[in-house]
Protein backbone atom coordinates (compact mmCIF):
# COMPACT_ATOMS: atom_id res chain seq x y z
CA MET A 1 39.80 -22.02 -23.41
CA SER A 2 37.16 -19.46 -24.96
CA GLY A 3 37.20 -16.33 -23.33
CA ALA A 4 39.91 -17.19 -20.53
CA VAL A 5 43.07 -14.86 -20.10
CA VAL A 6 46.23 -14.98 -17.97
CA GLY A 7 46.74 -12.60 -15.23
CA VAL A 8 49.92 -12.19 -13.34
CA ASP A 9 50.83 -10.58 -9.92
CA ILE A 10 54.18 -9.28 -9.10
CA GLY A 11 54.79 -8.76 -5.62
CA GLY A 12 57.85 -7.89 -3.64
CA THR A 13 57.90 -11.30 -2.08
CA LYS A 14 55.68 -13.73 -4.40
CA THR A 15 54.98 -13.64 -8.16
CA ALA A 16 51.68 -15.26 -9.13
CA ALA A 17 49.83 -16.17 -12.50
CA ALA A 18 46.35 -17.42 -13.26
CA VAL A 19 44.13 -18.27 -15.94
CA VAL A 20 40.89 -16.51 -15.25
CA GLY A 21 37.52 -17.32 -16.94
CA PRO A 22 35.18 -14.88 -18.51
CA ASP A 23 33.10 -14.76 -15.37
CA GLY A 24 36.40 -13.86 -13.27
CA ALA A 25 36.68 -17.18 -11.67
CA VAL A 26 40.31 -18.48 -11.33
CA LEU A 27 40.74 -21.70 -13.03
CA ALA A 28 44.33 -22.71 -12.57
CA ARG A 29 46.99 -20.84 -10.82
CA ARG A 30 50.99 -20.92 -10.36
CA GLN A 31 53.17 -19.32 -8.09
CA ALA A 32 56.80 -18.88 -6.91
CA PRO A 33 59.03 -16.58 -4.61
CA THR A 34 59.69 -13.48 -6.27
CA PRO A 35 63.73 -13.35 -6.92
CA ALA A 36 63.73 -9.74 -5.82
CA ARG A 37 67.23 -9.58 -4.80
CA SER A 38 68.39 -10.86 -8.02
CA GLY A 39 67.22 -7.91 -10.05
CA PRO A 40 64.68 -7.21 -12.63
CA THR A 41 65.85 -9.49 -15.23
CA ALA A 42 65.29 -12.35 -12.79
CA VAL A 43 62.03 -11.01 -11.84
CA LEU A 44 60.75 -10.60 -15.38
CA ASP A 45 61.99 -14.29 -16.11
CA THR A 46 59.84 -15.83 -13.20
CA ALA A 47 56.91 -13.77 -14.10
CA ALA A 48 57.12 -14.88 -17.77
CA ARG A 49 57.68 -18.66 -17.04
CA LEU A 50 54.70 -18.77 -14.45
CA ALA A 51 52.61 -17.09 -17.60
CA ALA A 52 54.14 -19.19 -20.39
CA ASP A 53 52.91 -22.27 -18.21
CA LEU A 54 49.41 -21.21 -18.59
CA LEU A 55 49.16 -19.75 -22.00
CA ASP A 56 47.82 -22.80 -23.54
CA ALA A 57 45.01 -22.89 -21.24
CA ALA A 58 43.74 -19.49 -22.25
CA GLY A 59 42.57 -17.70 -25.44
CA PRO A 60 45.20 -15.73 -27.76
CA GLY A 61 44.67 -12.42 -26.23
CA PRO A 62 47.00 -10.18 -24.24
CA VAL A 63 48.33 -11.13 -20.74
CA GLY A 64 47.60 -8.69 -18.00
CA VAL A 65 50.07 -7.80 -15.36
CA GLY A 66 49.46 -6.19 -11.66
CA THR A 67 52.79 -5.29 -10.19
CA ALA A 68 54.29 -3.32 -7.22
CA GLY A 69 55.56 0.06 -8.01
CA THR A 70 53.99 3.10 -10.00
CA VAL A 71 53.26 2.35 -13.48
CA ASP A 72 53.61 4.93 -16.30
CA PRO A 73 50.08 4.30 -18.23
CA ALA A 74 51.60 5.39 -21.45
CA THR A 75 54.36 3.06 -21.69
CA GLY A 76 54.27 0.28 -18.95
CA THR A 77 57.56 1.23 -17.37
CA ILE A 78 58.06 1.28 -13.63
CA ARG A 79 58.15 4.98 -12.48
CA TYR A 80 58.89 4.28 -9.10
CA ALA A 81 59.29 1.22 -6.93
CA THR A 82 60.28 0.77 -3.23
CA ASP A 83 63.40 -1.44 -2.13
CA SER A 84 61.18 -4.54 -1.98
CA LEU A 85 61.89 -4.82 -5.52
CA PRO A 86 65.57 -3.35 -5.81
CA GLY A 87 66.08 -1.77 -9.40
CA TRP A 88 62.68 -2.14 -10.33
CA THR A 89 62.29 1.85 -11.02
CA GLY A 90 62.80 2.21 -14.73
CA THR A 91 61.93 -1.71 -15.62
CA PRO A 92 60.28 -1.67 -18.91
CA VAL A 93 57.39 -4.29 -17.88
CA VAL A 94 55.34 -4.13 -20.94
CA ASP A 95 57.94 -4.55 -23.65
CA ALA A 96 59.86 -7.13 -21.66
CA LEU A 97 57.21 -9.35 -20.90
CA ALA A 98 55.57 -8.87 -24.30
CA GLY A 99 59.16 -10.07 -25.75
CA ARG A 100 59.33 -13.20 -23.66
CA LEU A 101 55.81 -14.15 -24.24
CA GLY A 102 55.36 -13.21 -27.78
CA ARG A 103 51.84 -11.61 -26.91
CA PRO A 104 50.82 -8.26 -26.10
CA VAL A 105 50.85 -7.36 -22.16
CA ARG A 106 48.82 -4.88 -20.17
CA VAL A 107 50.13 -3.41 -16.91
CA THR A 108 49.16 -1.79 -13.87
CA ASN A 109 49.89 -1.16 -10.01
CA ASP A 110 48.90 -4.04 -8.10
CA VAL A 111 46.67 -2.23 -6.18
CA ASN A 112 44.71 -0.85 -9.24
CA ALA A 113 44.45 -4.40 -10.15
CA ALA A 114 43.18 -5.62 -6.97
CA ALA A 115 40.47 -2.71 -7.36
CA LEU A 116 39.73 -3.99 -10.86
CA GLY A 117 39.36 -7.64 -9.28
CA GLU A 118 37.03 -6.76 -6.70
CA CYS A 119 34.49 -4.81 -9.11
CA TRP A 120 34.53 -7.54 -11.31
CA ALA A 121 34.27 -10.83 -9.21
CA GLY A 122 34.52 -9.32 -5.47
CA ALA A 123 33.02 -7.40 -2.95
CA ALA A 124 32.24 -4.62 -5.30
CA ARG A 125 31.01 -6.75 -7.97
CA GLY A 126 28.76 -4.73 -10.32
CA CYS A 127 29.99 -1.34 -9.09
CA HIS A 128 31.58 1.07 -11.75
CA ASP A 129 32.71 3.76 -9.26
CA VAL A 130 34.86 2.49 -6.19
CA LEU A 131 37.63 3.32 -4.07
CA LEU A 132 39.85 0.42 -2.80
CA VAL A 133 42.35 0.77 0.26
CA ALA A 134 45.19 -1.86 0.84
CA VAL A 135 46.11 -1.94 4.55
CA GLY A 136 49.33 -3.69 4.75
CA THR A 137 52.80 -3.22 5.57
CA GLY A 138 52.16 0.28 4.09
CA LEU A 139 48.89 1.55 2.70
CA GLY A 140 47.91 1.98 -0.92
CA GLY A 141 44.86 3.12 -2.87
CA ALA A 142 43.07 2.90 -6.10
CA ILE A 143 40.24 4.54 -7.58
CA VAL A 144 38.04 2.91 -10.16
CA ARG A 145 35.93 5.43 -12.29
CA ASP A 146 33.24 4.47 -14.79
CA GLY A 147 34.67 0.64 -14.53
CA ARG A 148 38.37 2.03 -15.61
CA ILE A 149 41.27 2.61 -13.41
CA GLU A 150 41.60 6.31 -12.89
CA ASP A 151 45.63 6.90 -13.48
CA GLY A 152 46.14 10.49 -12.78
CA ALA A 153 49.00 12.48 -14.39
CA ARG A 154 51.90 10.33 -12.93
CA GLY A 155 49.86 6.90 -12.83
CA ALA A 156 49.35 7.21 -9.16
CA ALA A 157 45.92 8.74 -8.57
CA GLY A 158 44.20 7.13 -5.45
CA GLU A 159 47.57 7.09 -3.34
CA VAL A 160 45.70 7.89 0.20
CA ALA A 161 48.71 7.05 2.14
CA HIS A 162 50.11 10.68 2.33
CA LEU A 163 46.91 12.40 3.51
CA PRO A 164 47.40 14.10 6.92
CA ALA A 165 46.31 12.37 9.90
CA PRO A 166 45.19 13.43 13.48
CA GLY A 167 47.46 11.43 15.91
CA ALA A 168 50.28 10.62 13.42
CA ASP A 169 52.38 13.88 13.82
CA ARG A 170 55.12 11.89 15.57
CA LEU A 171 55.01 8.71 13.31
CA ARG A 172 56.88 8.52 10.20
CA CYS A 173 55.45 7.82 7.04
CA GLY A 174 57.04 5.51 4.24
CA CYS A 175 57.96 8.46 2.28
CA GLY A 176 60.13 9.78 5.19
CA ARG A 177 57.64 12.66 6.40
CA TYR A 178 55.66 12.46 9.49
CA GLY A 179 51.62 12.92 10.14
CA HIS A 180 50.39 10.76 6.90
CA LEU A 181 47.78 8.30 7.09
CA GLU A 182 50.12 5.62 6.35
CA ALA A 183 52.17 6.19 9.44
CA ILE A 184 49.23 5.16 11.59
CA ALA A 185 46.92 3.09 9.68
CA SER A 186 49.08 0.11 8.47
CA GLY A 187 51.18 -2.54 9.64
CA THR A 188 54.18 -0.33 10.27
CA GLY A 189 52.13 2.29 11.67
CA LEU A 190 50.86 -0.07 14.08
CA ALA A 191 54.30 -1.32 15.18
CA ALA A 192 55.69 2.29 15.71
CA ALA A 193 52.64 3.59 17.56
CA TYR A 194 53.11 0.42 20.12
CA ALA A 195 56.85 0.80 20.23
CA GLU A 196 56.47 4.72 21.10
CA GLN A 197 54.09 3.54 24.08
CA THR A 198 55.73 0.44 25.21
CA GLY A 199 59.14 0.43 24.11
CA SER A 200 58.40 -2.89 22.93
CA PRO A 201 59.67 -3.60 19.00
CA VAL A 202 57.19 -6.14 17.66
CA THR A 203 55.45 -6.16 14.12
CA GLY A 204 52.11 -4.76 12.90
CA GLN A 205 50.86 -8.30 13.10
CA ALA A 206 51.89 -8.90 16.69
CA VAL A 207 50.39 -5.61 17.89
CA ALA A 208 46.74 -7.07 16.33
CA GLU A 209 47.20 -10.44 17.91
CA ARG A 210 48.12 -8.66 21.31
CA ALA A 211 45.10 -6.26 20.93
CA ALA A 212 42.79 -9.84 20.36
CA ALA A 213 44.39 -11.39 23.21
CA GLY A 214 43.52 -8.32 25.50
CA ASP A 215 46.67 -6.29 25.44
CA VAL A 216 45.24 -2.80 26.55
CA THR A 217 47.98 -0.72 24.76
CA ALA A 218 47.60 -2.74 21.58
CA ARG A 219 43.89 -2.48 21.64
CA GLN A 220 44.34 1.19 21.60
CA VAL A 221 46.88 1.41 19.07
CA ARG A 222 44.75 -0.79 16.69
CA ASP A 223 41.27 1.37 17.58
CA ARG A 224 42.93 4.56 16.64
CA ALA A 225 44.32 3.42 13.88
CA GLY A 226 41.02 1.86 12.56
CA ALA A 227 39.07 5.01 13.62
CA THR A 228 41.76 7.33 11.82
CA LEU A 229 41.34 5.34 8.52
CA GLY A 230 37.30 5.12 8.91
CA ALA A 231 37.06 8.96 9.36
CA ALA A 232 39.57 9.55 6.22
CA LEU A 233 37.63 7.32 4.05
CA ALA A 234 34.44 9.24 5.01
CA GLY A 235 36.03 12.47 3.72
CA LEU A 236 37.24 10.94 0.53
CA VAL A 237 33.71 9.36 0.06
CA ALA A 238 32.72 13.16 -0.09
CA LEU A 239 35.46 13.97 -2.29
CA LEU A 240 35.18 11.13 -4.89
CA ASP A 241 31.47 10.18 -4.89
CA PRO A 242 31.80 6.41 -5.06
CA GLN A 243 29.31 3.74 -5.10
CA ALA A 244 31.48 1.70 -2.55
CA VAL A 245 34.63 1.88 -0.62
CA VAL A 246 36.56 -1.68 -0.36
CA VAL A 247 39.26 -2.56 2.33
CA ALA A 248 41.84 -4.81 1.52
CA GLY A 249 45.06 -6.11 2.66
CA GLY A 250 46.58 -8.19 5.72
CA ALA A 251 46.15 -5.70 8.12
CA ALA A 252 42.26 -4.86 7.15
CA ALA A 253 40.73 -7.20 9.50
CA ALA A 254 41.99 -5.85 12.64
CA LEU A 255 41.44 -2.13 11.34
CA LEU A 256 37.73 -2.75 9.93
CA PRO A 257 35.67 -2.82 13.32
CA ALA A 258 36.82 0.55 14.51
CA ALA A 259 37.36 1.97 10.84
CA SER A 260 33.55 1.07 10.29
CA THR A 261 32.30 2.61 13.22
CA ALA A 262 34.12 6.15 12.58
CA TYR A 263 33.08 5.81 8.95
CA ALA A 264 29.46 5.65 9.75
CA ALA A 265 29.59 8.46 12.17
CA GLU A 266 31.85 10.94 9.85
CA LEU A 267 29.81 10.03 6.79
CA PRO A 268 28.34 12.99 5.18
CA ALA A 269 24.46 12.37 4.89
CA GLY A 270 24.26 12.77 1.33
CA TRP A 271 26.55 9.64 0.95
CA ALA A 272 24.94 7.72 3.56
CA ASP A 273 24.13 4.66 1.22
CA VAL A 274 28.08 4.28 0.29
CA PRO A 275 28.88 0.87 1.98
CA LEU A 276 32.26 0.00 3.70
CA LEU A 277 33.12 -3.57 2.48
CA PRO A 278 35.72 -5.84 2.98
CA ALA A 279 37.48 -7.19 0.25
CA ALA A 280 36.34 -10.54 -1.03
CA LEU A 281 39.23 -12.02 -3.05
CA GLY A 282 41.87 -12.43 -0.98
CA ALA A 283 45.47 -13.55 -2.71
CA ASP A 284 43.59 -13.66 -5.98
CA ALA A 285 42.56 -10.29 -6.35
CA VAL A 286 45.29 -8.78 -8.47
CA VAL A 287 45.49 -11.73 -10.88
CA VAL A 288 41.67 -11.43 -11.29
CA GLY A 289 42.14 -7.72 -12.01
CA ALA A 290 45.10 -8.03 -14.06
CA ALA A 291 42.97 -10.46 -16.36
CA ARG A 292 40.28 -7.84 -16.37
CA LEU A 293 42.95 -5.41 -17.69
CA ALA A 294 43.86 -7.89 -20.34
CA LEU A 295 40.39 -8.17 -21.44
CA GLY A 296 40.87 -4.43 -22.46
CA GLU A 297 37.44 -3.66 -20.57
CA ALA A 298 39.28 -1.68 -17.71
C-alpha cells in the first residue's frame, strides 16, 4: 500500500495501532487493553503485536508511536511517566520496539502526536503553528511550530497544566502543588471543585453530566473551569503566536462553551483571528499523528 505507514498509540488503558494512508486517513485499525499492571515488557509486547499485524498492509518505512509519558527526543526513552503506566519511566521505547518489529521506530508523547494528527488531517488541517490542549482526567498540551513538534530542552514543551490559575488555590494539581491550571480545568479538577462545594465525591464526567442536567453547583464548577481555561489559552496565544488553538480530550466538550466565551473576551486584538477549535479526530488523533511522525515530516 504505497505511502501508508503504521502509527501506534500507547495509553494507560488501551493500546491501538493503525495503517494510515498518505492523506491521513485511517485504513485499518487494531486495539487491545494495555497490560499496564504487568509492566513495561508486557506493554511493549502488546504494542508490537498490534503493529506487526498491520505491517504487511503498510509500506516498508518506520513505525510511529505516540505514548503516555515524557519522551527524551534524542533517545526515544521515557523520561517520566505517571502511575497509569507503572515502571514506564526509563523504558527505551524506540530500541525495544525496533528490536521487536525489525523496523526503525520514531516516538513522541501522545499529546504531541495528537497535535500532529490534528494539523495533518483534523481541525487544524493545513496549519503549521498550533497549540493543542488535551482536557481529560488531567491537562496536557503540545506546540507544533513550523509543522514540527517543539520538544523543548526536556521533551516537555507545551505542558500547560502547571500554569498558575485564579480560583485554583485550594485545589491540588496532579504534580502535588496547588493553584495550577490542571487543578481546575480537567476532569480531576471538576471533581475536586464539586466535592469541595457539596461534599459529594463524584467523577469529573459526573459533574459534567449533572451540569447538563441542570445542577446549579455543577454548572458553576463547569463554567468556572471553562472560563479559566479560555482565559489562559488567550494569554498563551499572545506568547506563542499560533495560527490556531485546538482543544481535545474527554472533558473538552463540557468546558468549550465557557472557554470559548472567555477566550474571545481575553484575546488581545492583535490575535483576534486565531480560532479556538474543537479537535476533530477523536480516538484516532494519536495514531494519525504517530503516522505523520513516522513519515519523517514532523
